[in-house]
Amino acid sequence: MKLPATLRVFERGWLSANNILFIDDSETVLVDSGYGLHAPQTLALLKHALQGRPLDWLVNTHCHSDHMGGNAAIQARWACRTSLPHGEAQLVDRWDDVALVLEFADQRAERFRYDDTFTGGDVLRMGGIDWQVIAAPGHDEHAVMFHSAQERILISGDALWENGFGVVFGAIMPPPLYRPEALRETRETLERIATLDVATVIPGHGRPFSDMPAAIDRAMRRIRGFEADPVRHARHAAKVMLTFALLDRRRIAMAGLEAYVASVPILQTLNERFLRLTNRQLADYLVSELKRAGVVREEAGDLVPAVAS
């Protein structure tokens, strides 16, 4: 898949979002910094690619731990300008643990500063290319995408992957963050993407891909299913949250899994509102479903991930 010479994609696993690096004669720019646990690897990848140049500008598609978790380490290394979607700025200002889905979901990130913000309709010039900022509410209320009409490329963040999209957090958060319209907004974002002229999608997770209509079709079927049955989305979200935590922790003792699910607020919120299981039933359900999907396995009495982090 041919990309502009000034654009390079570091495809990461599922714990860290992909990093998109732009290098031209005047400036170097990074879109999304990955998870904090992977920051040393992120810094090594950037150092190798930059070949002695500094990183000038860091841009986030949204502020979840797997996209902004490396921000602080990158800023410490290069003191780069940092820009966020406008709606995320107030959450970062007060470091809102729940709204940023951090310890609330057994995730973590180090605090960082930002210099300015952007919003839907703005144009950012990265890698000598003009990128239109497109609001992409759904997975995150304030998330954005970047579209180059000239290059026919979409940097989609977690709004569209080759096989799905990110958990729609607004649909599962506790009041006052609960937003029942979030599932509809996710569908409307997909409908907006379908109107764009795109030859290549660079998603937040997974490889870049070219068959956007097929990806949209898969995603639309999924979101319509979630709209018709919000409990189905809640079950999906619970499985994703345990998987993500396991990628970070690397292992959780099977004997302690009931206590673990009881200790994670987002799992308790999901259970109380949608699933209504005992903590033992919830733990057993999640393990059974994730094993069946080939995502986790047991090893020496521990639950461990069976997918790349």
C-alpha atoms as a PDB file:
ATOM      1  CA  MET A   1       0.000   0.000   0.000  1.00  0.00           C
ATOM      2  CA  LYS A   2       1.651   3.216  -1.171  1.00  0.00           C
ATOM      3  CA  LEU A   3       1.689   6.109   1.279  1.00  0.00           C
ATOM      4  CA  PRO A   4       3.160   9.615   0.843  1.00  0.00           C
ATOM      5  CA  ALA A   5       6.915   9.744   1.336  1.00  0.00           C
ATOM      6  CA  THR A   6       6.468  12.103   4.290  1.00  0.00           C
ATOM      7  CA  LEU A   7       4.161   9.690   6.185  1.00  0.00           C
ATOM      8  CA  ARG A   8       5.142   6.600   8.125  1.00  0.00           C
ATOM      9  CA  VAL A   9       2.903   4.288  10.147  1.00  0.00           C
ATOM     10  CA  PHE A  10       4.135   2.357  13.177  1.00  0.00           C
ATOM     11  CA  GLU A  11       1.587  -0.426  13.511  1.00  0.00           C
ATOM     12  CA  ARG A  12       1.388  -1.385  17.168  1.00  0.00           C
ATOM     13  CA  GLY A  13      -0.530  -4.122  18.987  1.00  0.00           C
ATOM     14  CA  TRP A  14      -3.837  -3.655  20.789  1.00  0.00           C
ATOM     15  CA  LEU A  15      -2.457  -2.065  23.957  1.00  0.00           C
ATOM     16  CA  SER A  16      -0.869   0.849  22.074  1.00  0.00           C
ATOM     17  CA  ALA A  17      -2.588   2.738  19.292  1.00  0.00           C
ATOM     18  CA  ASN A  18      -0.771   3.037  15.986  1.00  0.00           C
ATOM     19  CA  ASN A  19       1.646   5.973  15.687  1.00  0.00           C
ATOM     20  CA  ILE A  20       1.644   8.060  12.507  1.00  0.00           C
ATOM     21  CA  LEU A  21       4.851  10.018  11.951  1.00  0.00           C
ATOM     22  CA  PHE A  22       5.203  12.844   9.436  1.00  0.00           C
ATOM     23  CA  ILE A  23       8.629  14.059   8.384  1.00  0.00           C
ATOM     24  CA  ASP A  24       9.171  16.803   5.823  1.00  0.00           C
ATOM     25  CA  ASP A  25      11.814  19.479   5.307  1.00  0.00           C
ATOM     26  CA  SER A  26      10.248  21.899   7.779  1.00  0.00           C
ATOM     27  CA  GLU A  27       8.649  19.877  10.571  1.00  0.00           C
ATOM     28  CA  THR A  28       8.199  16.490  12.232  1.00  0.00           C
ATOM     29  CA  VAL A  29       4.776  15.523  13.590  1.00  0.00           C
ATOM     30  CA  LEU A  30       3.481  12.499  15.494  1.00  0.00           C
ATOM     31  CA  VAL A  31      -0.191  11.520  15.664  1.00  0.00           C
ATOM     32  CA  ASP A  32      -0.923   9.536  18.861  1.00  0.00           C
ATOM     33  CA  SER A  33       1.705   8.315  21.284  1.00  0.00           C
ATOM     34  CA  GLY A  34       0.592   4.842  22.377  1.00  0.00           C
ATOM     35  CA  TYR A  35       0.252   3.376  25.879  1.00  0.00           C
ATOM     36  CA  GLY A  36       2.494   4.428  28.746  1.00  0.00           C
ATOM     37  CA  LEU A  37       3.826   0.908  29.306  1.00  0.00           C
ATOM     38  CA  HIS A  38       5.176   0.960  25.755  1.00  0.00           C
ATOM     39  CA  ALA A  39       6.737   4.442  25.983  1.00  0.00           C
ATOM     40  CA  PRO A  40      10.368   3.185  25.874  1.00  0.00           C
ATOM     41  CA  GLN A  41       9.606   1.291  22.662  1.00  0.00           C
ATOM     42  CA  THR A  42       7.779   4.311  21.237  1.00  0.00           C
ATOM     43  CA  LEU A  43      10.759   6.553  21.979  1.00  0.00           C
ATOM     44  CA  ALA A  44      13.120   4.052  20.354  1.00  0.00           C
ATOM     45  CA  LEU A  45      10.966   3.852  17.212  1.00  0.00           C
ATOM     46  CA  LEU A  46      10.841   7.625  16.962  1.00  0.00           C
ATOM     47  CA  LYS A  47      14.563   8.102  17.603  1.00  0.00           C
ATOM     48  CA  HIS A  48      15.395   5.662  14.821  1.00  0.00           C
ATOM     49  CA  ALA A  49      12.971   7.230  12.355  1.00  0.00           C
ATOM     50  CA  LEU A  50      13.862  10.851  13.153  1.00  0.00           C
ATOM     51  CA  GLN A  51      17.590  10.219  12.582  1.00  0.00           C
ATOM     52  CA  GLY A  52      18.753  12.962  14.885  1.00  0.00           C
ATOM     53  CA  ARG A  53      15.975  15.451  14.227  1.00  0.00           C
ATOM     54  CA  PRO A  54      13.733  16.541  17.117  1.00  0.00           C
ATOM     55  CA  LEU A  55      10.028  15.831  17.242  1.00  0.00           C
ATOM     56  CA  ASP A  56       8.368  19.215  16.728  1.00  0.00           C
ATOM     57  CA  TRP A  57       4.681  18.511  17.195  1.00  0.00           C
ATOM     58  CA  LEU A  58       2.527  15.872  18.916  1.00  0.00           C
ATOM     59  CA  VAL A  59      -1.164  15.553  17.984  1.00  0.00           C
ATOM     60  CA  ASN A  60      -3.820  13.322  19.574  1.00  0.00           C
ATOM     61  CA  THR A  61      -6.950  11.992  17.890  1.00  0.00           C
ATOM     62  CA  HIS A  62      -8.480  11.639  21.381  1.00  0.00           C
ATOM     63  CA  CYS A  63      -7.357  11.225  24.959  1.00  0.00           C
ATOM     64  CA  HIS A  64      -7.639   7.591  25.966  1.00  0.00           C
ATOM     65  CA  SER A  65      -4.686   5.858  27.573  1.00  0.00           C
ATOM     66  CA  ASP A  66      -3.682   3.895  24.470  1.00  0.00           C
ATOM     67  CA  HIS A  67      -3.479   7.078  22.378  1.00  0.00           C
ATOM     68  CA  MET A  68      -2.039   9.618  24.841  1.00  0.00           C
ATOM     69  CA  GLY A  69      -0.263   7.378  27.344  1.00  0.00           C
ATOM     70  CA  GLY A  70       3.129   8.140  25.812  1.00  0.00           C
ATOM     71  CA  ASN A  71       2.625  11.922  25.684  1.00  0.00           C
ATOM     72  CA  ALA A  72       4.494  12.703  28.901  1.00  0.00           C
ATOM     73  CA  ALA A  73       7.537  10.612  27.942  1.00  0.00           C
ATOM     74  CA  ILE A  74       7.679  12.179  24.479  1.00  0.00           C
ATOM     75  CA  GLN A  75       7.403  15.683  25.925  1.00  0.00           C
ATOM     76  CA  ALA A  76      10.178  14.914  28.391  1.00  0.00           C
ATOM     77  CA  ARG A  77      12.416  13.805  25.510  1.00  0.00           C
ATOM     78  CA  TRP A  78      11.670  16.536  22.955  1.00  0.00           C
ATOM     79  CA  ALA A  79       9.629  19.338  24.615  1.00  0.00           C
ATOM     80  CA  CYS A  80       7.414  19.334  21.526  1.00  0.00           C
ATOM     81  CA  ARG A  81       4.297  21.394  20.879  1.00  0.00           C
ATOM     82  CA  THR A  82       1.242  19.307  21.784  1.00  0.00           C
ATOM     83  CA  SER A  83      -2.278  19.741  20.385  1.00  0.00           C
ATOM     84  CA  LEU A  84      -5.549  18.112  21.449  1.00  0.00           C
ATOM     85  CA  PRO A  85      -9.149  18.024  20.252  1.00  0.00           C
ATOM     86  CA  HIS A  86     -10.836  20.999  21.914  1.00  0.00           C
ATOM     87  CA  GLY A  87     -13.310  18.964  23.951  1.00  0.00           C
ATOM     88  CA  GLU A  88     -10.551  16.881  25.536  1.00  0.00           C
ATOM     89  CA  ALA A  89      -8.682  19.890  26.945  1.00  0.00           C
ATOM     90  CA  GLN A  90     -10.922  20.452  29.979  1.00  0.00           C
ATOM     91  CA  LEU A  91     -10.708  16.745  30.857  1.00  0.00           C
ATOM     92  CA  VAL A  92      -6.922  16.878  30.732  1.00  0.00           C
ATOM     93  CA  ASP A  93      -6.886  20.156  32.708  1.00  0.00           C
ATOM     94  CA  ARG A  94      -8.609  18.524  35.667  1.00  0.00           C
ATOM     95  CA  TRP A  95      -7.229  15.043  34.863  1.00  0.00           C
ATOM     96  CA  ASP A  96     -10.716  13.566  35.077  1.00  0.00           C
ATOM     97  CA  ASP A  97     -10.074   9.912  35.898  1.00  0.00           C
ATOM     98  CA  VAL A  98     -13.567   8.750  34.941  1.00  0.00           C
ATOM     99  CA  ALA A  99     -14.054  10.799  31.760  1.00  0.00           C
ATOM    100  CA  LEU A 100     -10.551   9.876  30.560  1.00  0.00           C
ATOM    101  CA  VAL A 101     -11.282   6.193  31.359  1.00  0.00           C
ATOM    102  CA  LEU A 102      -8.169   5.712  33.466  1.00  0.00           C
ATOM    103  CA  GLU A 103      -8.105   4.023  36.899  1.00  0.00           C
ATOM    104  CA  PHE A 104     -11.885   3.864  36.588  1.00  0.00           C
ATOM    105  CA  ALA A 105     -11.211   1.136  34.028  1.00  0.00           C
ATOM    106  CA  ASP A 106      -7.878  -0.114  35.431  1.00  0.00           C
ATOM    107  CA  GLN A 107      -5.982   1.925  32.870  1.00  0.00           C
ATOM    108  CA  ARG A 108      -3.290   4.498  33.486  1.00  0.00           C
ATOM    109  CA  ALA A 109      -1.401   7.393  31.950  1.00  0.00           C
ATOM    110  CA  GLU A 110       1.000  10.053  33.171  1.00  0.00           C
ATOM    111  CA  ARG A 111      -0.205  13.660  33.204  1.00  0.00           C
ATOM    112  CA  PHE A 112       1.033  15.852  30.382  1.00  0.00           C
ATOM    113  CA  ARG A 113       0.699  19.432  29.195  1.00  0.00           C
ATOM    114  CA  TYR A 114      -0.790  20.719  25.955  1.00  0.00           C
ATOM    115  CA  ASP A 115      -0.228  23.952  24.032  1.00  0.00           C
ATOM    116  CA  ASP A 116      -3.335  24.372  21.908  1.00  0.00           C
ATOM    117  CA  THR A 117      -6.445  22.678  20.578  1.00  0.00           C
ATOM    118  CA  PHE A 118      -8.259  22.104  17.301  1.00  0.00           C
ATOM    119  CA  THR A 119     -11.823  21.281  16.351  1.00  0.00           C
ATOM    120  CA  GLY A 120     -13.882  19.862  13.505  1.00  0.00           C
ATOM    121  CA  GLY A 121     -13.497  21.939  10.350  1.00  0.00           C
ATOM    122  CA  ASP A 122      -9.934  23.051  11.129  1.00  0.00           C
ATOM    123  CA  VAL A 123      -7.108  22.153   8.767  1.00  0.00           C
ATOM    124  CA  LEU A 124      -3.774  20.883  10.096  1.00  0.00           C
ATOM    125  CA  ARG A 125      -0.726  20.776   7.842  1.00  0.00           C
ATOM    126  CA  MET A 126       1.285  17.641   8.579  1.00  0.00           C
ATOM    127  CA  GLY A 127       3.962  16.167   6.332  1.00  0.00           C
ATOM    128  CA  GLY A 128       3.402  18.904   3.756  1.00  0.00           C
ATOM    129  CA  ILE A 129      -0.221  17.758   3.405  1.00  0.00           C
ATOM    130  CA  ASP A 130      -3.413  19.543   4.449  1.00  0.00           C
ATOM    131  CA  TRP A 131      -5.581  17.412   6.739  1.00  0.00           C
ATOM    132  CA  GLN A 132      -9.159  18.368   7.487  1.00  0.00           C
ATOM    133  CA  VAL A 133     -10.165  17.756  11.087  1.00  0.00           C
ATOM    134  CA  ILE A 134     -13.462  15.829  11.207  1.00  0.00           C
ATOM    135  CA  ALA A 135     -15.392  15.421  14.453  1.00  0.00           C
ATOM    136  CA  ALA A 136     -15.949  11.714  15.162  1.00  0.00           C
ATOM    137  CA  PRO A 137     -18.180  11.368  18.247  1.00  0.00           C
ATOM    138  CA  GLY A 138     -19.064   7.847  19.318  1.00  0.00           C
ATOM    139  CA  HIS A 139     -16.202   5.866  20.835  1.00  0.00           C
ATOM    140  CA  ASP A 140     -15.166   9.157  22.458  1.00  0.00           C
ATOM    141  CA  GLU A 141     -17.417  12.185  22.490  1.00  0.00           C
ATOM    142  CA  HIS A 142     -14.577  14.537  21.521  1.00  0.00           C
ATOM    143  CA  ALA A 143     -12.595  12.304  19.143  1.00  0.00           C
ATOM    144  CA  VAL A 144     -11.531  13.483  15.707  1.00  0.00           C
ATOM    145  CA  MET A 145     -10.246  12.036  12.446  1.00  0.00           C
ATOM    146  CA  PHE A 146      -7.927  13.565   9.842  1.00  0.00           C
ATOM    147  CA  HIS A 147      -8.775  13.403   6.140  1.00  0.00           C
ATOM    148  CA  SER A 148      -6.603  14.372   3.189  1.00  0.00           C
ATOM    149  CA  ALA A 149      -8.739  14.822   0.094  1.00  0.00           C
ATOM    150  CA  GLN A 150      -5.538  15.273  -1.944  1.00  0.00           C
ATOM    151  CA  GLU A 151      -4.039  11.946  -0.859  1.00  0.00           C
ATOM    152  CA  ARG A 152      -7.405  10.197  -0.294  1.00  0.00           C
ATOM    153  CA  ILE A 153      -6.239   9.044   3.150  1.00  0.00           C
ATOM    154  CA  LEU A 154      -8.257   8.914   6.358  1.00  0.00           C
ATOM    155  CA  ILE A 155      -6.578   8.731   9.771  1.00  0.00           C
ATOM    156  CA  SER A 156      -9.596   7.305  11.550  1.00  0.00           C
ATOM    157  CA  GLY A 157      -8.468   6.816  15.154  1.00  0.00           C
ATOM    158  CA  ASP A 158     -10.923   4.473  16.859  1.00  0.00           C
ATOM    159  CA  ALA A 159     -13.939   5.576  14.805  1.00  0.00           C
ATOM    160  CA  LEU A 160     -13.290   2.876  12.184  1.00  0.00           C
ATOM    161  CA  TRP A 161     -11.045  -0.173  12.127  1.00  0.00           C
ATOM    162  CA  GLU A 162     -10.872  -2.815   9.435  1.00  0.00           C
ATOM    163  CA  ASN A 163     -13.125  -4.982  11.602  1.00  0.00           C
ATOM    164  CA  GLY A 164     -15.071  -2.704  13.879  1.00  0.00           C
ATOM    165  CA  PHE A 165     -14.501   0.360  16.056  1.00  0.00           C
ATOM    166  CA  GLY A 166     -13.743   1.253  19.661  1.00  0.00           C
ATOM    167  CA  VAL A 167     -16.097   0.642  22.584  1.00  0.00           C
ATOM    168  CA  VAL A 168     -18.743   3.374  22.729  1.00  0.00           C
ATOM    169  CA  PHE A 169     -17.947   4.620  26.212  1.00  0.00           C
ATOM    170  CA  GLY A 170     -20.743   7.175  26.432  1.00  0.00           C
ATOM    171  CA  ALA A 171     -23.269   4.332  26.253  1.00  0.00           C
ATOM    172  CA  ILE A 172     -21.841   2.562  29.321  1.00  0.00           C
ATOM    173  CA  MET A 173     -20.517   5.313  31.591  1.00  0.00           C
ATOM    174  CA  PRO A 174     -22.131   6.236  34.923  1.00  0.00           C
ATOM    175  CA  PRO A 175     -24.184   9.435  35.223  1.00  0.00           C
ATOM    176  CA  PRO A 176     -23.593  12.228  34.412  1.00  0.00           C
ATOM    177  CA  LEU A 177     -21.285  10.879  31.677  1.00  0.00           C
ATOM    178  CA  TYR A 178     -23.849   8.369  30.409  1.00  0.00           C
ATOM    179  CA  ARG A 179     -24.977   9.468  26.942  1.00  0.00           C
ATOM    180  CA  PRO A 180     -27.681   7.285  25.372  1.00  0.00           C
ATOM    181  CA  GLU A 181     -27.187   9.128  22.076  1.00  0.00           C
ATOM    182  CA  ALA A 182     -23.596   7.864  21.828  1.00  0.00           C
ATOM    183  CA  LEU A 183     -24.542   4.727  19.872  1.00  0.00           C
ATOM    184  CA  ARG A 184     -26.481   6.829  17.374  1.00  0.00           C
ATOM    185  CA  GLU A 185     -23.533   9.227  17.091  1.00  0.00           C
ATOM    186  CA  THR A 186     -21.256   6.286  16.328  1.00  0.00           C
ATOM    187  CA  ARG A 187     -23.533   5.249  13.456  1.00  0.00           C
ATOM    188  CA  GLU A 188     -23.694   8.852  12.198  1.00  0.00           C
ATOM    189  CA  THR A 189     -19.889   9.078  12.271  1.00  0.00           C
ATOM    190  CA  LEU A 190     -19.698   5.913  10.150  1.00  0.00           C
ATOM    191  CA  GLU A 191     -22.234   7.412   7.748  1.00  0.00           C
ATOM    192  CA  ARG A 192     -20.078  10.541   7.534  1.00  0.00           C
ATOM    193  CA  ILE A 193     -16.976   8.477   6.787  1.00  0.00           C
ATOM    194  CA  ALA A 194     -18.842   6.687   3.979  1.00  0.00           C
ATOM    195  CA  THR A 195     -19.268  10.022   2.150  1.00  0.00           C
ATOM    196  CA  LEU A 196     -15.523  10.702   2.029  1.00  0.00           C
ATOM    197  CA  ASP A 197     -13.286   9.947  -0.928  1.00  0.00           C
ATOM    198  CA  VAL A 198     -10.821   7.541   0.690  1.00  0.00           C
ATOM    199  CA  ALA A 199      -8.410   5.069  -0.861  1.00  0.00           C
ATOM    200  CA  THR A 200      -6.501   4.240   2.341  1.00  0.00           C
ATOM    201  CA  VAL A 201      -7.609   4.143   5.977  1.00  0.00           C
ATOM    202  CA  ILE A 202      -5.004   4.352   8.730  1.00  0.00           C
ATOM    203  CA  PRO A 203      -6.883   3.117  11.814  1.00  0.00           C
ATOM    204  CA  GLY A 204      -6.018   3.550  15.464  1.00  0.00           C
ATOM    205  CA  HIS A 205      -5.447  -0.214  15.730  1.00  0.00           C
ATOM    206  CA  GLY A 206      -4.627  -2.786  13.075  1.00  0.00           C
ATOM    207  CA  ARG A 207      -3.029  -2.478   9.678  1.00  0.00           C
ATOM    208  CA  PRO A 208      -3.826   0.296   7.181  1.00  0.00           C
ATOM    209  CA  PHE A 209      -6.414  -0.946   4.694  1.00  0.00           C
ATOM    210  CA  SER A 210      -7.944   0.030   1.376  1.00  0.00           C
ATOM    211  CA  ASP A 211     -11.402  -1.560   1.251  1.00  0.00           C
ATOM    212  CA  MET A 212     -13.238   1.084   3.233  1.00  0.00           C
ATOM    213  CA  PRO A 213     -16.745   0.166   1.956  1.00  0.00           C
ATOM    214  CA  ALA A 214     -16.386  -3.380   3.307  1.00  0.00           C
ATOM    215  CA  ALA A 215     -15.126  -2.064   6.664  1.00  0.00           C
ATOM    216  CA  ILE A 216     -18.021   0.401   6.838  1.00  0.00           C
ATOM    217  CA  ASP A 217     -20.476  -2.396   6.081  1.00  0.00           C
ATOM    218  CA  ARG A 218     -19.085  -4.562   8.883  1.00  0.00           C
ATOM    219  CA  ALA A 219     -19.076  -1.652  11.318  1.00  0.00           C
ATOM    220  CA  MET A 220     -22.626  -0.606  10.400  1.00  0.00           C
ATOM    221  CA  ARG A 221     -23.952  -4.087  11.006  1.00  0.00           C
ATOM    222  CA  ARG A 222     -22.285  -4.095  14.406  1.00  0.00           C
ATOM    223  CA  ILE A 223     -23.499  -0.678  15.528  1.00  0.00           C
ATOM    224  CA  ARG A 224     -27.049  -1.385  14.392  1.00  0.00           C
ATOM    225  CA  GLY A 225     -26.943  -4.553  16.458  1.00  0.00           C
ATOM    226  CA  PHE A 226     -25.749  -2.563  19.463  1.00  0.00           C
ATOM    227  CA  GLU A 227     -28.478   0.048  18.951  1.00  0.00           C
ATOM    228  CA  ALA A 228     -31.102  -2.680  18.812  1.00  0.00           C
ATOM    229  CA  ASP A 229     -29.688  -4.419  21.903  1.00  0.00           C
ATOM    230  CA  PRO A 230     -27.625  -2.185  24.254  1.00  0.00           C
ATOM    231  CA  VAL A 231     -26.991  -5.212  26.509  1.00  0.00           C
ATOM    232  CA  ARG A 232     -25.093  -6.781  23.626  1.00  0.00           C
ATOM    233  CA  HIS A 233     -22.842  -3.722  23.546  1.00  0.00           C
ATOM    234  CA  ALA A 234     -22.392  -3.908  27.322  1.00  0.00           C
ATOM    235  CA  ARG A 235     -21.270  -7.540  27.074  1.00  0.00           C
ATOM    236  CA  HIS A 236     -18.848  -6.583  24.324  1.00  0.00           C
ATOM    237  CA  ALA A 237     -17.512  -3.678  26.376  1.00  0.00           C
ATOM    238  CA  ALA A 238     -16.938  -5.840  29.444  1.00  0.00           C
ATOM    239  CA  LYS A 239     -14.925  -8.330  27.400  1.00  0.00           C
ATOM    240  CA  VAL A 240     -12.867  -5.552  25.813  1.00  0.00           C
ATOM    241  CA  MET A 241     -12.108  -3.905  29.148  1.00  0.00           C
ATOM    242  CA  LEU A 242     -10.886  -7.126  30.753  1.00  0.00           C
ATOM    243  CA  THR A 243      -8.788  -7.949  27.682  1.00  0.00           C
ATOM    244  CA  PHE A 244      -7.196  -4.503  27.642  1.00  0.00           C
ATOM    245  CA  ALA A 245      -6.362  -4.660  31.356  1.00  0.00           C
ATOM    246  CA  LEU A 246      -4.860  -8.102  30.854  1.00  0.00           C
ATOM    247  CA  LEU A 247      -2.638  -6.833  28.040  1.00  0.00           C
ATOM    248  CA  ASP A 248      -1.290  -4.277  30.502  1.00  0.00           C
ATOM    249  CA  ARG A 249      -1.029  -6.536  33.569  1.00  0.00           C
ATOM    250  CA  ARG A 250       0.116  -9.572  31.525  1.00  0.00           C
ATOM    251  CA  ARG A 251      -1.585 -12.023  33.910  1.00  0.00           C
ATOM    252  CA  ILE A 252      -4.329 -12.177  36.527  1.00  0.00           C
ATOM    253  CA  ALA A 253      -4.614 -15.114  38.924  1.00  0.00           C
ATOM    254  CA  MET A 254      -7.723 -17.157  38.154  1.00  0.00           C
ATOM    255  CA  ALA A 255      -8.338 -17.482  41.900  1.00  0.00           C
ATOM    256  CA  GLY A 256      -8.435 -13.687  42.201  1.00  0.00           C
ATOM    257  CA  LEU A 257     -10.568 -12.916  39.165  1.00  0.00           C
ATOM    258  CA  GLU A 258     -13.835 -12.567  41.082  1.00  0.00           C
ATOM    259  CA  ALA A 259     -12.231 -10.007  43.394  1.00  0.00           C
ATOM    260  CA  TYR A 260     -10.663  -8.267  40.389  1.00  0.00           C
ATOM    261  CA  VAL A 261     -13.944  -7.699  38.530  1.00  0.00           C
ATOM    262  CA  ALA A 262     -15.464  -6.477  41.806  1.00  0.00           C
ATOM    263  CA  SER A 263     -12.656  -3.900  42.125  1.00  0.00           C
ATOM    264  CA  VAL A 264     -12.898  -2.297  38.655  1.00  0.00           C
ATOM    265  CA  PRO A 265     -15.536   0.467  38.611  1.00  0.00           C
ATOM    266  CA  ILE A 266     -16.340   0.276  34.907  1.00  0.00           C
ATOM    267  CA  LEU A 267     -17.024  -3.463  35.136  1.00  0.00           C
ATOM    268  CA  GLN A 268     -19.248  -2.860  38.150  1.00  0.00           C
ATOM    269  CA  THR A 269     -21.097  -0.080  36.306  1.00  0.00           C
ATOM    270  CA  LEU A 270     -21.687  -2.382  33.333  1.00  0.00           C
ATOM    271  CA  ASN A 271     -22.815  -5.216  35.562  1.00  0.00           C
ATOM    272  CA  GLU A 272     -25.197  -3.160  37.684  1.00  0.00           C
ATOM    273  CA  ARG A 273     -26.829  -1.420  34.739  1.00  0.00           C
ATOM    274  CA  PHE A 274     -26.935  -4.138  32.090  1.00  0.00           C
ATOM    275  CA  LEU A 275     -25.706  -7.604  33.030  1.00  0.00           C
ATOM    276  CA  ARG A 276     -26.940  -8.101  36.602  1.00  0.00           C
ATOM    277  CA  LEU A 277     -24.736 -11.037  37.464  1.00  0.00           C
ATOM    278  CA  THR A 278     -22.932 -11.897  40.654  1.00  0.00           C
ATOM    279  CA  ASN A 279     -19.228 -11.094  40.512  1.00  0.00           C
ATOM    280  CA  ARG A 280     -18.505 -14.830  40.315  1.00  0.00           C
ATOM    281  CA  GLN A 281     -20.914 -15.191  37.398  1.00  0.00           C
ATOM    282  CA  LEU A 282     -19.420 -12.143  35.688  1.00  0.00           C
ATOM    283  CA  ALA A 283     -15.875 -13.487  36.052  1.00  0.00           C
ATOM    284  CA  ASP A 284     -16.894 -16.913  34.759  1.00  0.00           C
ATOM    285  CA  TYR A 285     -18.807 -15.390  31.839  1.00  0.00           C
ATOM    286  CA  LEU A 286     -15.908 -13.193  30.754  1.00  0.00           C
ATOM    287  CA  VAL A 287     -13.354 -15.990  30.939  1.00  0.00           C
ATOM    288  CA  SER A 288     -15.606 -18.397  29.034  1.00  0.00           C
ATOM    289  CA  GLU A 289     -16.341 -15.884  26.273  1.00  0.00           C
ATOM    290  CA  LEU A 290     -12.755 -14.699  25.888  1.00  0.00           C
ATOM    291  CA  LYS A 291     -11.422 -18.249  25.807  1.00  0.00           C
ATOM    292  CA  ARG A 292     -13.984 -19.146  23.162  1.00  0.00           C
ATOM    293  CA  ALA A 293     -12.842 -16.171  21.084  1.00  0.00           C
ATOM    294  CA  GLY A 294      -9.197 -17.239  21.442  1.00  0.00           C
ATOM    295  CA  VAL A 295      -8.279 -13.965  23.137  1.00  0.00           C
ATOM    296  CA  VAL A 296      -7.119 -15.395  26.493  1.00  0.00           C
ATOM    297  CA  ARG A 297      -5.847 -18.685  27.871  1.00  0.00           C
ATOM    298  CA  GLU A 298      -4.925 -20.208  31.222  1.00  0.00           C
ATOM    299  CA  GLU A 299      -1.293 -20.683  32.167  1.00  0.00           C
ATOM    300  CA  ALA A 300      -0.111 -22.015  35.553  1.00  0.00           C
ATOM    301  CA  GLY A 301      -3.300 -20.892  37.267  1.00  0.00           C
ATOM    302  CA  ASP A 302      -3.295 -17.446  35.674  1.00  0.00           C
ATOM    303  CA  LEU A 303      -5.355 -15.848  32.938  1.00  0.00           C
ATOM    304  CA  VAL A 304      -2.992 -14.518  30.245  1.00  0.00           C
ATOM    305  CA  PRO A 305      -3.547 -12.795  26.899  1.00  0.00           C
ATOM    306  CA  ALA A 306      -3.376 -14.859  23.735  1.00  0.00           C
ATOM    307  CA  VAL A 307      -3.205 -11.802  21.455  1.00  0.00           C
ATOM    308  CA  ALA A 308      -0.377  -9.378  20.764  1.00  0.00           C
ATOM    309  CA  SER A 309      -0.148  -6.397  23.053  1.00  0.00           C
END
